[in-house]
C-alpha cells in the first residue's frame, strides 16, 4: 500500500472517530489486530459494543466506499470481532457492526454512518 493511500485511510479514520465521538460513542480501540483481520474502530455506544469498519475513497472511480465491504470482508471482520470478544472478556456484551464511509470526491470530505450494516 502506498504512503498516499495509507495517509488517506488515516484521514478517513480520524474523521470517522470524530463523527462517532460527536454522536456519543466512546472509542475503545483503533486498529485492533487479530489473526483474522484488523478492526478499524471498536467503540461503546450506550449498552452496545460497536465494531466499525471505515472505508475511505478519494473518488468514486472504483465504486463507493460502502461497496468495498464485501461478504468476504464482513466474514473477516466477524471473526476478528469474535476474537476481540474472547480476548477482552466481553463475550456477553450486545454487539453490532457499523460501517463509516468517508469520501473525498469533490475535495470536501463526506461521512456516511451506516448502523447495523451487517450481521454475523
PDB file of N, CA and C in Angstrom:
ATOM      1  N   UNK A   1       0.854  -1.176   0.000  1.00  0.00           N
ATOM      2  CA  UNK A   1       0.000   0.000   0.000  1.00  0.00           C
ATOM      3  C   UNK A   1       0.901   1.240   0.000  1.00  0.00           C
ATOM      4  N   UNK A   2       0.573   2.202  -0.839  1.00  0.00           N
ATOM      5  CA  UNK A   2       1.391   3.403  -0.924  1.00  0.00           C
ATOM      6  C   UNK A   2       1.175   4.304   0.283  1.00  0.00           C
ATOM      7  N   UNK A   3       2.147   5.170   0.520  1.00  0.00           N
ATOM      8  CA  UNK A   3       2.012   6.120   1.635  1.00  0.00           C
ATOM      9  C   UNK A   3       0.817   7.029   1.438  1.00  0.00           C
ATOM     10  N   UNK A   4       0.546   7.380   0.193  1.00  0.00           N
ATOM     11  CA  UNK A   4      -0.601   8.246  -0.099  1.00  0.00           C
ATOM     12  C   UNK A   4      -1.906   7.564   0.315  1.00  0.00           C
ATOM     13  N   UNK A   5      -2.045   6.283  -0.013  1.00  0.00           N
ATOM     14  CA  UNK A   5      -3.259   5.546   0.372  1.00  0.00           C
ATOM     15  C   UNK A   5      -3.339   5.369   1.873  1.00  0.00           C
ATOM     16  N   UNK A   6      -2.191   5.120   2.517  1.00  0.00           N
ATOM     17  CA  UNK A   6      -2.181   4.988   3.974  1.00  0.00           C
ATOM     18  C   UNK A   6      -2.613   6.302   4.622  1.00  0.00           C
ATOM     19  N   UNK A   7      -2.103   7.408   4.096  1.00  0.00           N
ATOM     20  CA  UNK A   7      -2.474   8.721   4.628  1.00  0.00           C
ATOM     21  C   UNK A   7      -3.955   8.996   4.453  1.00  0.00           C
ATOM     22  N   UNK A   8      -4.484   8.619   3.293  1.00  0.00           N
ATOM     23  CA  UNK A   8      -5.918   8.798   3.041  1.00  0.00           C
ATOM     24  C   UNK A   8      -6.736   7.973   4.034  1.00  0.00           C
ATOM     25  N   UNK A   9      -6.306   6.728   4.262  1.00  0.00           N
ATOM     26  CA  UNK A   9      -7.001   5.867   5.220  1.00  0.00           C
ATOM     27  C   UNK A   9      -6.965   6.429   6.635  1.00  0.00           C
ATOM     28  N   UNK A  10      -5.807   6.950   7.044  1.00  0.00           N
ATOM     29  CA  UNK A  10      -5.698   7.552   8.384  1.00  0.00           C
ATOM     30  C   UNK A  10      -6.613   8.763   8.510  1.00  0.00           C
ATOM     31  N   UNK A  11      -6.643   9.598   7.466  1.00  0.00           N
ATOM     32  CA  UNK A  11      -7.541  10.769   7.498  1.00  0.00           C
ATOM     33  C   UNK A  11      -8.992  10.329   7.629  1.00  0.00           C
ATOM     34  N   UNK A  12      -9.356   9.285   6.894  1.00  0.00           N
ATOM     35  CA  UNK A  12     -10.722   8.770   6.983  1.00  0.00           C
ATOM     36  C   UNK A  12     -11.047   8.249   8.371  1.00  0.00           C
ATOM     37  N   UNK A  13     -10.114   7.527   8.984  1.00  0.00           N
ATOM     38  CA  UNK A  13     -10.330   7.005  10.337  1.00  0.00           C
ATOM     39  C   UNK A  13     -10.432   8.131  11.355  1.00  0.00           C
ATOM     40  N   UNK A  14      -9.622   9.169  11.193  1.00  0.00           N
ATOM     41  CA  UNK A  14      -9.710  10.325  12.097  1.00  0.00           C
ATOM     42  C   UNK A  14     -11.091  10.986  11.988  1.00  0.00           C
ATOM     43  N   UNK A  15     -11.558  11.171  10.765  1.00  0.00           N
ATOM     44  CA  UNK A  15     -12.888  11.769  10.567  1.00  0.00           C
ATOM     45  C   UNK A  15     -13.978  10.862  11.133  1.00  0.00           C
ATOM     46  N   UNK A  16     -13.835   9.553  10.941  1.00  0.00           N
ATOM     47  CA  UNK A  16     -14.817   8.605  11.471  1.00  0.00           C
ATOM     48  C   UNK A  16     -14.853   8.669  12.998  1.00  0.00           C
ATOM     49  N   UNK A  17     -13.683   8.711  13.635  1.00  0.00           N
ATOM     50  CA  UNK A  17     -13.624   8.797  15.102  1.00  0.00           C
ATOM     51  C   UNK A  17     -14.269  10.085  15.593  1.00  0.00           C
ATOM     52  N   UNK A  18     -13.988  11.185  14.911  1.00  0.00           N
ATOM     53  CA  UNK A  18     -14.581  12.469  15.307  1.00  0.00           C
ATOM     54  C   UNK A  18     -16.094  12.416  15.158  1.00  0.00           C
ATOM     55  N   UNK A  19     -16.562  11.833  14.074  1.00  0.00           N
ATOM     56  CA  UNK A  19     -18.006  11.705  13.843  1.00  0.00           C
ATOM     57  C   UNK A  19     -18.653  10.852  14.937  1.00  0.00           C
ATOM     58  N   UNK A  20     -18.032   9.720  15.242  1.00  0.00           N
ATOM     59  CA  UNK A  20     -18.582   8.827  16.265  1.00  0.00           C
ATOM     60  C   UNK A  20     -18.579   9.485  17.638  1.00  0.00           C
ATOM     61  N   UNK A  21     -17.490  10.143  17.985  1.00  0.00           N
ATOM     62  CA  UNK A  21     -17.401  10.815  19.286  1.00  0.00           C
ATOM     63  C   UNK A  21     -18.477  11.891  19.413  1.00  0.00           C
ATOM     64  N   UNK A  22     -18.703  12.637  18.338  1.00  0.00           N
ATOM     65  CA  UNK A  22     -19.740  13.679  18.356  1.00  0.00           C
ATOM     66  C   UNK A  22     -21.133  13.077  18.508  1.00  0.00           C
ATOM     67  N   UNK A  23     -21.297  11.824  18.083  1.00  0.00           N
ATOM     68  CA  UNK A  23     -22.587  11.140  18.196  1.00  0.00           C
ATOM     69  C   UNK A  23     -22.726  10.379  19.518  1.00  0.00           C
ATOM     70  N   UNK A  24     -21.753  10.540  20.417  1.00  0.00           N
ATOM     71  CA  UNK A  24     -21.860   9.924  21.737  1.00  0.00           C
ATOM     72  C   UNK A  24     -21.190   8.573  21.886  1.00  0.00           C
ATOM     73  N   UNK A  25     -20.391   8.160  20.930  1.00  0.00           N
ATOM     74  CA  UNK A  25     -19.661   6.898  21.020  1.00  0.00           C
ATOM     75  C   UNK A  25     -18.376   7.119  21.806  1.00  0.00           C
ATOM     76  N   UNK A  26     -17.979   6.108  22.568  1.00  0.00           N
ATOM     77  CA  UNK A  26     -16.700   6.138  23.272  1.00  0.00           C
ATOM     78  C   UNK A  26     -15.772   5.177  22.549  1.00  0.00           C
ATOM     79  N   UNK A  27     -14.664   5.678  22.037  1.00  0.00           N
ATOM     80  CA  UNK A  27     -13.717   4.858  21.295  1.00  0.00           C
ATOM     81  C   UNK A  27     -12.911   4.019  22.281  1.00  0.00           C
ATOM     82  N   UNK A  28     -12.970   2.689  22.115  1.00  0.00           N
ATOM     83  CA  UNK A  28     -12.258   1.767  22.996  1.00  0.00           C
ATOM     84  C   UNK A  28     -10.929   1.321  22.391  1.00  0.00           C
ATOM     85  N   UNK A  29     -10.904   1.153  21.075  1.00  0.00           N
ATOM     86  CA  UNK A  29      -9.683   0.695  20.406  1.00  0.00           C
ATOM     87  C   UNK A  29      -9.708   1.123  18.949  1.00  0.00           C
ATOM     88  N   UNK A  30      -8.499   1.328  18.420  1.00  0.00           N
ATOM     89  CA  UNK A  30      -8.332   1.621  16.996  1.00  0.00           C
ATOM     90  C   UNK A  30      -7.289   0.670  16.439  1.00  0.00           C
ATOM     91  N   UNK A  31      -7.535   0.211  15.229  1.00  0.00           N
ATOM     92  CA  UNK A  31      -6.599  -0.685  14.542  1.00  0.00           C
ATOM     93  C   UNK A  31      -6.238  -1.894  15.404  1.00  0.00           C
ATOM     94  N   UNK A  32      -7.263  -2.531  15.948  1.00  0.00           N
ATOM     95  CA  UNK A  32      -7.096  -3.707  16.810  1.00  0.00           C
ATOM     96  C   UNK A  32      -6.838  -4.923  15.913  1.00  0.00           C
ATOM     97  N   UNK A  33      -5.668  -5.498  16.054  1.00  0.00           N
ATOM     98  CA  UNK A  33      -5.267  -6.610  15.182  1.00  0.00           C
ATOM     99  C   UNK A  33      -5.546  -7.968  15.818  1.00  0.00           C
ATOM    100  N   UNK A  34      -6.079  -8.851  14.977  1.00  0.00           N
ATOM    101  CA  UNK A  34      -6.275 -10.246  15.361  1.00  0.00           C
ATOM    102  C   UNK A  34      -5.688 -11.101  14.237  1.00  0.00           C
ATOM    103  N   UNK A  35      -5.751 -12.407  14.410  1.00  0.00           N
ATOM    104  CA  UNK A  35      -5.274 -13.294  13.337  1.00  0.00           C
ATOM    105  C   UNK A  35      -6.153 -13.184  12.104  1.00  0.00           C
ATOM    106  N   UNK A  36      -7.432 -12.926  12.285  1.00  0.00           N
ATOM    107  CA  UNK A  36      -8.370 -12.906  11.162  1.00  0.00           C
ATOM    108  C   UNK A  36      -8.308 -11.606  10.364  1.00  0.00           C
ATOM    109  N   UNK A  37      -8.209 -10.493  11.054  1.00  0.00           N
ATOM    110  CA  UNK A  37      -8.280  -9.194  10.376  1.00  0.00           C
ATOM    111  C   UNK A  37      -7.967  -8.095  11.381  1.00  0.00           C
ATOM    112  N   UNK A  38      -8.033  -6.884  10.897  1.00  0.00           N
ATOM    113  CA  UNK A  38      -7.878  -5.722  11.767  1.00  0.00           C
ATOM    114  C   UNK A  38      -9.236  -5.053  11.925  1.00  0.00           C
ATOM    115  N   UNK A  39      -9.562  -4.721  13.162  1.00  0.00           N
ATOM    116  CA  UNK A  39     -10.785  -3.971  13.436  1.00  0.00           C
ATOM    117  C   UNK A  39     -10.408  -2.495  13.434  1.00  0.00           C
ATOM    118  N   UNK A  40     -11.003  -1.719  12.542  1.00  0.00           N
ATOM    119  CA  UNK A  40     -10.635  -0.309  12.435  1.00  0.00           C
ATOM    120  C   UNK A  40     -10.927   0.439  13.723  1.00  0.00           C
ATOM    121  N   UNK A  41     -12.167   0.310  14.201  1.00  0.00           N
ATOM    122  CA  UNK A  41     -12.570   1.006  15.429  1.00  0.00           C
ATOM    123  C   UNK A  41     -13.463   0.079  16.247  1.00  0.00           C
ATOM    124  N   UNK A  42     -13.204   0.016  17.538  1.00  0.00           N
ATOM    125  CA  UNK A  42     -14.105  -0.651  18.477  1.00  0.00           C
ATOM    126  C   UNK A  42     -14.595   0.450  19.405  1.00  0.00           C
ATOM    127  N   UNK A  43     -15.914   0.573  19.515  1.00  0.00           N
ATOM    128  CA  UNK A  43     -16.490   1.659  20.305  1.00  0.00           C
ATOM    129  C   UNK A  43     -17.611   1.133  21.188  1.00  0.00           C
ATOM    130  N   UNK A  44     -17.947   1.937  22.164  1.00  0.00           N
ATOM    131  CA  UNK A  44     -19.086   1.668  23.046  1.00  0.00           C
ATOM    132  C   UNK A  44     -20.135   2.729  22.746  1.00  0.00           C
ATOM    133  N   UNK A  45     -21.362   2.297  22.495  1.00  0.00           N
ATOM    134  CA  UNK A  45     -22.462   3.238  22.309  1.00  0.00           C
ATOM    135  C   UNK A  45     -23.631   2.750  23.148  1.00  0.00           C
ATOM    136  N   UNK A  46     -23.916   3.528  24.160  1.00  0.00           N
ATOM    137  CA  UNK A  46     -24.916   3.134  25.158  1.00  0.00           C
ATOM    138  C   UNK A  46     -24.520   1.780  25.726  1.00  0.00           C
ATOM    139  N   UNK A  47     -25.358   0.750  25.561  1.00  0.00           N
ATOM    140  CA  UNK A  47     -25.044  -0.562  26.135  1.00  0.00           C
ATOM    141  C   UNK A  47     -24.546  -1.551  25.088  1.00  0.00           C
ATOM    142  N   UNK A  48     -24.126  -1.048  23.914  1.00  0.00           N
ATOM    143  CA  UNK A  48     -23.661  -1.925  22.846  1.00  0.00           C
ATOM    144  C   UNK A  48     -22.179  -1.715  22.531  1.00  0.00           C
ATOM    145  N   UNK A  49     -21.533  -2.808  22.205  1.00  0.00           N
ATOM    146  CA  UNK A  49     -20.189  -2.773  21.679  1.00  0.00           C
ATOM    147  C   UNK A  49     -20.333  -2.668  20.165  1.00  0.00           C
ATOM    148  N   UNK A  50     -19.621  -1.739  19.545  1.00  0.00           N
ATOM    149  CA  UNK A  50     -19.791  -1.495  18.112  1.00  0.00           C
ATOM    150  C   UNK A  50     -18.449  -1.690  17.410  1.00  0.00           C
ATOM    151  N   UNK A  51     -18.442  -2.590  16.445  1.00  0.00           N
ATOM    152  CA  UNK A  51     -17.272  -2.815  15.610  1.00  0.00           C
ATOM    153  C   UNK A  51     -17.492  -2.018  14.331  1.00  0.00           C
ATOM    154  N   UNK A  52     -16.601  -1.071  14.079  1.00  0.00           N
ATOM    155  CA  UNK A  52     -16.793  -0.125  12.982  1.00  0.00           C
ATOM    156  C   UNK A  52     -15.729  -0.347  11.912  1.00  0.00           C
ATOM    157  N   UNK A  53     -16.178  -0.629  10.706  1.00  0.00           N
ATOM    158  CA  UNK A  53     -15.286  -0.713   9.556  1.00  0.00           C
ATOM    159  C   UNK A  53     -15.323   0.644   8.860  1.00  0.00           C
ATOM    160  N   UNK A  54     -14.158   1.201   8.596  1.00  0.00           N
ATOM    161  CA  UNK A  54     -14.058   2.503   7.944  1.00  0.00           C
ATOM    162  C   UNK A  54     -13.517   2.289   6.536  1.00  0.00           C
ATOM    163  N   UNK A  55     -14.224   2.812   5.554  1.00  0.00           N
ATOM    164  CA  UNK A  55     -13.771   2.758   4.167  1.00  0.00           C
ATOM    165  C   UNK A  55     -13.678   4.175   3.645  1.00  0.00           C
ATOM    166  N   UNK A  56     -12.516   4.499   3.084  1.00  0.00           N
ATOM    167  CA  UNK A  56     -12.255   5.854   2.610  1.00  0.00           C
ATOM    168  C   UNK A  56     -11.880   5.807   1.138  1.00  0.00           C
ATOM    169  N   UNK A  57     -12.438   6.724   0.363  1.00  0.00           N
ATOM    170  CA  UNK A  57     -12.136   6.822  -1.059  1.00  0.00           C
ATOM    171  C   UNK A  57     -11.884   8.275  -1.421  1.00  0.00           C
ATOM    172  N   UNK A  58     -10.969   8.472  -2.357  1.00  0.00           N
ATOM    173  CA  UNK A  58     -10.698   9.826  -2.855  1.00  0.00           C
ATOM    174  C   UNK A  58     -11.620  10.174  -4.014  1.00  0.00           C
ATOM    175  N   UNK A  59     -12.203   9.135  -4.636  1.00  0.00           N
ATOM    176  CA  UNK A  59     -13.168   9.346  -5.722  1.00  0.00           C
ATOM    177  C   UNK A  59     -14.058   8.107  -5.809  1.00  0.00           C
ATOM    178  N   UNK A  60     -15.062   8.188  -6.642  1.00  0.00           N
ATOM    179  CA  UNK A  60     -15.952   7.042  -6.842  1.00  0.00           C
ATOM    180  C   UNK A  60     -15.570   6.238  -8.083  1.00  0.00           C
ATOM    181  N   UNK A  61     -14.361   6.436  -8.589  1.00  0.00           N
ATOM    182  CA  UNK A  61     -13.917   5.766  -9.809  1.00  0.00           C
ATOM    183  C   UNK A  61     -13.965   4.243  -9.686  1.00  0.00           C
ATOM    184  N   UNK A  62     -13.703   3.724  -8.494  1.00  0.00           N
ATOM    185  CA  UNK A  62     -13.731   2.274  -8.278  1.00  0.00           C
ATOM    186  C   UNK A  62     -14.916   1.857  -7.424  1.00  0.00           C
ATOM    187  N   UNK A  63     -15.957   2.667  -7.408  1.00  0.00           N
ATOM    188  CA  UNK A  63     -17.147   2.366  -6.624  1.00  0.00           C
ATOM    189  C   UNK A  63     -17.158   3.145  -5.322  1.00  0.00           C
ATOM    190  N   UNK A  64     -18.283   3.076  -4.653  1.00  0.00           N
ATOM    191  CA  UNK A  64     -18.437   3.799  -3.393  1.00  0.00           C
ATOM    192  C   UNK A  64     -17.685   3.061  -2.286  1.00  0.00           C
ATOM    193  N   UNK A  65     -17.364   3.769  -1.223  1.00  0.00           N
ATOM    194  CA  UNK A  65     -16.697   3.099  -0.093  1.00  0.00           C
ATOM    195  C   UNK A  65     -17.526   1.946   0.471  1.00  0.00           C
ATOM    196  N   UNK A  66     -18.847   2.097   0.470  1.00  0.00           N
ATOM    197  CA  UNK A  66     -19.702   1.049   1.038  1.00  0.00           C
ATOM    198  C   UNK A  66     -19.627  -0.244   0.238  1.00  0.00           C
ATOM    199  N   UNK A  67     -19.416  -0.135  -1.072  1.00  0.00           N
ATOM    200  CA  UNK A  67     -19.329  -1.327  -1.920  1.00  0.00           C
ATOM    201  C   UNK A  67     -18.090  -2.158  -1.614  1.00  0.00           C
ATOM    202  N   UNK A  68     -17.116  -1.568  -0.962  1.00  0.00           N
ATOM    203  CA  UNK A  68     -15.873  -2.267  -0.642  1.00  0.00           C
ATOM    204  C   UNK A  68     -16.017  -3.208   0.550  1.00  0.00           C
ATOM    205  N   UNK A  69     -17.124  -3.122   1.268  1.00  0.00           N
ATOM    206  CA  UNK A  69     -17.342  -4.015   2.417  1.00  0.00           C
ATOM    207  C   UNK A  69     -18.129  -5.223   1.912  1.00  0.00           C
ATOM    208  N   UNK A  70     -17.405  -6.118   1.267  1.00  0.00           N
ATOM    209  CA  UNK A  70     -17.990  -7.300   0.643  1.00  0.00           C
ATOM    210  C   UNK A  70     -18.349  -8.354   1.691  1.00  0.00           C
ATOM    211  N   UNK A  71     -19.038  -9.387   1.270  1.00  0.00           N
ATOM    212  CA  UNK A  71     -19.375 -10.501   2.177  1.00  0.00           C
ATOM    213  C   UNK A  71     -18.104 -11.126   2.756  1.00  0.00           C
ATOM    214  N   UNK A  72     -17.074 -11.258   1.920  1.00  0.00           N
ATOM    215  CA  UNK A  72     -15.809 -11.821   2.393  1.00  0.00           C
ATOM    216  C   UNK A  72     -15.195 -10.924   3.471  1.00  0.00           C
ATOM    217  N   UNK A  73     -15.215  -9.621   3.264  1.00  0.00           N
ATOM    218  CA  UNK A  73     -14.681  -8.674   4.254  1.00  0.00           C
ATOM    219  C   UNK A  73     -15.518  -8.738   5.527  1.00  0.00           C
ATOM    220  N   UNK A  74     -16.828  -8.832   5.389  1.00  0.00           N
ATOM    221  CA  UNK A  74     -17.709  -8.928   6.550  1.00  0.00           C
ATOM    222  C   UNK A  74     -17.380 -10.164   7.377  1.00  0.00           C
ATOM    223  N   UNK A  75     -17.119 -11.288   6.711  1.00  0.00           N
ATOM    224  CA  UNK A  75     -16.788 -12.525   7.417  1.00  0.00           C
ATOM    225  C   UNK A  75     -15.485 -12.370   8.199  1.00  0.00           C
ATOM    226  N   UNK A  76     -14.480 -11.710   7.609  1.00  0.00           N
ATOM    227  CA  UNK A  76     -13.218 -11.482   8.307  1.00  0.00           C
ATOM    228  C   UNK A  76     -13.413 -10.574   9.518  1.00  0.00           C
ATOM    229  N   UNK A  77     -14.218  -9.549   9.366  1.00  0.00           N
ATOM    230  CA  UNK A  77     -14.493  -8.635  10.478  1.00  0.00           C
ATOM    231  C   UNK A  77     -15.216  -9.377  11.603  1.00  0.00           C
ATOM    232  N   UNK A  78     -16.167 -10.230  11.233  1.00  0.00           N
ATOM    233  CA  UNK A  78     -16.908 -11.001  12.228  1.00  0.00           C
ATOM    234  C   UNK A  78     -15.970 -11.932  13.008  1.00  0.00           C
ATOM    235  N   UNK A  79     -15.028 -12.580  12.314  1.00  0.00           N
ATOM    236  CA  UNK A  79     -14.057 -13.439  13.003  1.00  0.00           C
ATOM    237  C   UNK A  79     -13.176 -12.621  13.939  1.00  0.00           C
ATOM    238  N   UNK A  80     -12.731 -11.474  13.470  1.00  0.00           N
ATOM    239  CA  UNK A  80     -11.903 -10.605  14.314  1.00  0.00           C
ATOM    240  C   UNK A  80     -12.692 -10.130  15.528  1.00  0.00           C
ATOM    241  N   UNK A  81     -13.965  -9.799  15.329  1.00  0.00           N
ATOM    242  CA  UNK A  81     -14.811  -9.360  16.444  1.00  0.00           C
ATOM    243  C   UNK A  81     -14.979 -10.479  17.469  1.00  0.00           C
ATOM    244  N   UNK A  82     -15.148 -11.706  17.009  1.00  0.00           N
ATOM    245  CA  UNK A  82     -15.263 -12.845  17.924  1.00  0.00           C
ATOM    246  C   UNK A  82     -13.994 -12.997  18.756  1.00  0.00           C
ATOM    247  N   UNK A  83     -12.848 -12.831  18.099  1.00  0.00           N
ATOM    248  CA  UNK A  83     -11.581 -12.920  18.824  1.00  0.00           C
ATOM    249  C   UNK A  83     -11.453 -11.779  19.835  1.00  0.00           C
ATOM    250  N   UNK A  84     -11.883 -10.583  19.459  1.00  0.00           N
ATOM    251  CA  UNK A  84     -11.862  -9.442  20.385  1.00  0.00           C
ATOM    252  C   UNK A  84     -12.710  -9.757  21.616  1.00  0.00           C
ATOM    253  N   UNK A  85     -13.905 -10.273  21.388  1.00  0.00           N
ATOM    254  CA  UNK A  85     -14.807 -10.578  22.498  1.00  0.00           C
ATOM    255  C   UNK A  85     -14.188 -11.593  23.452  1.00  0.00           C
ATOM    256  N   UNK A  86     -13.500 -12.592  22.916  1.00  0.00           N
ATOM    257  CA  UNK A  86     -12.835 -13.586  23.760  1.00  0.00           C
ATOM    258  C   UNK A  86     -11.658 -12.979  24.522  1.00  0.00           C
ATOM    259  N   UNK A  87     -10.808 -12.248  23.810  1.00  0.00           N
ATOM    260  CA  UNK A  87      -9.611 -11.660  24.435  1.00  0.00           C
ATOM    261  C   UNK A  87      -9.960 -10.662  25.528  1.00  0.00           C
ATOM    262  N   UNK A  88     -10.962  -9.869  25.272  1.00  0.00           N
ATOM    263  CA  UNK A  88     -11.303  -8.776  26.181  1.00  0.00           C
ATOM    264  C   UNK A  88     -12.398  -9.168  27.174  1.00  0.00           C
ATOM    265  N   UNK A  89     -12.755 -10.445  27.220  1.00  0.00           N
ATOM    266  CA  UNK A  89     -13.778 -10.957  28.143  1.00  0.00           C
ATOM    267  C   UNK A  89     -15.085 -10.182  28.041  1.00  0.00           C
ATOM    268  N   UNK A  90     -15.482  -9.913  26.819  1.00  0.00           N
ATOM    269  CA  UNK A  90     -16.716  -9.158  26.582  1.00  0.00           C
ATOM    270  C   UNK A  90     -17.739 -10.028  25.857  1.00  0.00           C
ATOM    271  N   UNK A  91     -17.659 -11.323  26.047  1.00  0.00           N
ATOM    272  CA  UNK A  91     -18.493 -12.265  25.313  1.00  0.00           C
ATOM    273  C   UNK A  91     -19.983 -12.089  25.453  1.00  0.00           C
ATOM    274  N   UNK A  92     -20.437 -11.541  26.548  1.00  0.00           N
ATOM    275  CA  UNK A  92     -21.877 -11.384  26.759  1.00  0.00           C
ATOM    276  C   UNK A  92     -22.392 -10.004  26.366  1.00  0.00           C
ATOM    277  N   UNK A  93     -21.523  -9.154  25.918  1.00  0.00           N
ATOM    278  CA  UNK A  93     -21.937  -7.799  25.543  1.00  0.00           C
ATOM    279  C   UNK A  93     -22.752  -7.832  24.248  1.00  0.00           C
ATOM    280  N   UNK A  94     -23.777  -6.991  24.194  1.00  0.00           N
ATOM    281  CA  UNK A  94     -24.514  -6.830  22.943  1.00  0.00           C
ATOM    282  C   UNK A  94     -23.577  -6.147  21.960  1.00  0.00           C
ATOM    283  N   UNK A  95     -23.552  -6.625  20.723  1.00  0.00           N
ATOM    284  CA  UNK A  95     -22.617  -6.079  19.748  1.00  0.00           C
ATOM    285  C   UNK A  95     -23.293  -5.911  18.401  1.00  0.00           C
ATOM    286  N   UNK A  96     -22.745  -4.986  17.610  1.00  0.00           N
ATOM    287  CA  UNK A  96     -23.234  -4.778  16.249  1.00  0.00           C
ATOM    288  C   UNK A  96     -22.081  -4.326  15.358  1.00  0.00           C
ATOM    289  N   UNK A  97     -22.335  -4.347  14.067  1.00  0.00           N
ATOM    290  CA  UNK A  97     -21.342  -3.961  13.074  1.00  0.00           C
ATOM    291  C   UNK A  97     -21.840  -2.744  12.310  1.00  0.00           C
ATOM    292  N   UNK A  98     -21.061  -1.675  12.351  1.00  0.00           N
ATOM    293  CA  UNK A  98     -21.363  -0.452  11.612  1.00  0.00           C
ATOM    294  C   UNK A  98     -20.299  -0.242  10.545  1.00  0.00           C
ATOM    295  N   UNK A  99     -20.639   0.538   9.547  1.00  0.00           N
ATOM    296  CA  UNK A  99     -19.675   0.955   8.537  1.00  0.00           C
ATOM    297  C   UNK A  99     -19.725   2.471   8.442  1.00  0.00           C
ATOM    298  N   UNK A 100     -18.555   3.085   8.439  1.00  0.00           N
ATOM    299  CA  UNK A 100     -18.456   4.519   8.193  1.00  0.00           C
ATOM    300  C   UNK A 100     -17.732   4.686   6.859  1.00  0.00           C
ATOM    301  N   UNK A 101     -18.414   5.312   5.914  1.00  0.00           N
ATOM    302  CA  UNK A 101     -17.854   5.563   4.590  1.00  0.00           C
ATOM    303  C   UNK A 101     -17.437   7.024   4.524  1.00  0.00           C
ATOM    304  N   UNK A 102     -16.187   7.249   4.153  1.00  0.00           N
ATOM    305  CA  UNK A 102     -15.661   8.608   4.017  1.00  0.00           C
ATOM    306  C   UNK A 102     -15.252   8.786   2.565  1.00  0.00           C
ATOM    307  N   UNK A 103     -15.791   9.818   1.949  1.00  0.00           N
ATOM    308  CA  UNK A 103     -15.474  10.090   0.551  1.00  0.00           C
ATOM    309  C   UNK A 103     -14.932  11.502   0.415  1.00  0.00           C
ATOM    310  N   UNK A 104     -13.825  11.617  -0.300  1.00  0.00           N
ATOM    311  CA  UNK A 104     -13.234  12.914  -0.579  1.00  0.00           C
ATOM    312  C   UNK A 104     -13.531  13.360  -2.008  1.00  0.00           C
ATOM    313  N   UNK A 105     -14.467  12.698  -2.679  1.00  0.00           N
ATOM    314  CA  UNK A 105     -14.845  13.084  -4.042  1.00  0.00           C
ATOM    315  C   UNK A 105     -15.341  14.528  -3.993  1.00  0.00           C
ATOM    316  N   UNK A 106     -14.807  15.362  -4.845  1.00  0.00           N
ATOM    317  CA  UNK A 106     -15.187  16.777  -4.820  1.00  0.00           C
ATOM    318  C   UNK A 106     -14.354  17.595  -3.854  1.00  0.00           C
ATOM    319  N   UNK A 107     -13.365  16.967  -3.209  1.00  0.00           N
ATOM    320  CA  UNK A 107     -12.462  17.704  -2.335  1.00  0.00           C
ATOM    321  C   UNK A 107     -12.859  17.740  -0.881  1.00  0.00           C
ATOM    322  N   UNK A 108     -14.109  18.045  -0.595  1.00  0.00           N
ATOM    323  CA  UNK A 108     -14.563  18.148   0.796  1.00  0.00           C
ATOM    324  C   UNK A 108     -15.021  16.766   1.282  1.00  0.00           C
ATOM    325  N   UNK A 109     -14.599  16.353   2.487  1.00  0.00           N
ATOM    326  CA  UNK A 109     -14.980  15.023   2.960  1.00  0.00           C
ATOM    327  C   UNK A 109     -16.466  14.918   3.292  1.00  0.00           C
ATOM    328  N   UNK A 110     -17.028  13.776   2.918  1.00  0.00           N
ATOM    329  CA  UNK A 110     -18.407  13.439   3.268  1.00  0.00           C
ATOM    330  C   UNK A 110     -18.357  12.155   4.090  1.00  0.00           C
ATOM    331  N   UNK A 111     -19.040  12.155   5.226  1.00  0.00           N
ATOM    332  CA  UNK A 111     -19.044  10.999   6.123  1.00  0.00           C
ATOM    333  C   UNK A 111     -20.453  10.430   6.177  1.00  0.00           C
ATOM    334  N   UNK A 112     -20.556   9.127   5.908  1.00  0.00           N
ATOM    335  CA  UNK A 112     -21.845   8.428   5.989  1.00  0.00           C
ATOM    336  C   UNK A 112     -21.703   7.272   6.970  1.00  0.00           C
ATOM    337  N   UNK A 113     -22.576   7.227   7.961  1.00  0.00           N
ATOM    338  CA  UNK A 113     -22.517   6.206   9.010  1.00  0.00           C
ATOM    339  C   UNK A 113     -23.717   5.277   8.854  1.00  0.00           C
ATOM    340  N   UNK A 114     -23.425   4.017   8.610  1.00  0.00           N
ATOM    341  CA  UNK A 114     -24.478   3.003   8.475  1.00  0.00           C
ATOM    342  C   UNK A 114     -24.454   2.130   9.727  1.00  0.00           C
ATOM    343  N   UNK A 115     -25.489   2.241  10.531  1.00  0.00           N
ATOM    344  CA  UNK A 115     -25.603   1.438  11.741  1.00  0.00           C
ATOM    345  C   UNK A 115     -26.156   0.061  11.370  1.00  0.00           C
ATOM    346  N   UNK A 116     -25.710  -0.959  12.084  1.00  0.00           N
ATOM    347  CA  UNK A 116     -26.143  -2.334  11.801  1.00  0.00           C
ATOM    348  C   UNK A 116     -25.987  -2.652  10.322  1.00  0.00           C
ATOM    349  N   UNK A 117     -24.848  -2.342   9.765  1.00  0.00           N
ATOM    350  CA  UNK A 117     -24.596  -2.501   8.331  1.00  0.00           C
ATOM    351  C   UNK A 117     -24.653  -3.973   7.905  1.00  0.00           C
ATOM    352  N   UNK A 118     -24.271  -4.885   8.816  1.00  0.00           N
ATOM    353  CA  UNK A 118     -24.352  -6.311   8.534  1.00  0.00           C
ATOM    354  C   UNK A 118     -24.383  -7.072   9.840  1.00  0.00           C
ATOM    355  N   UNK A 119     -24.725  -8.350   9.758  1.00  0.00           N
ATOM    356  CA  UNK A 119     -24.820  -9.206  10.944  1.00  0.00           C
ATOM    357  C   UNK A 119     -23.921 -10.418  10.772  1.00  0.00           C
ATOM    358  N   UNK A 120     -23.664 -11.085  11.883  1.00  0.00           N
ATOM    359  CA  UNK A 120     -22.865 -12.326  11.834  1.00  0.00           C
ATOM    360  C   UNK A 120     -23.571 -13.383  11.023  1.00  0.00           C
TER     361      UNK A 120
END
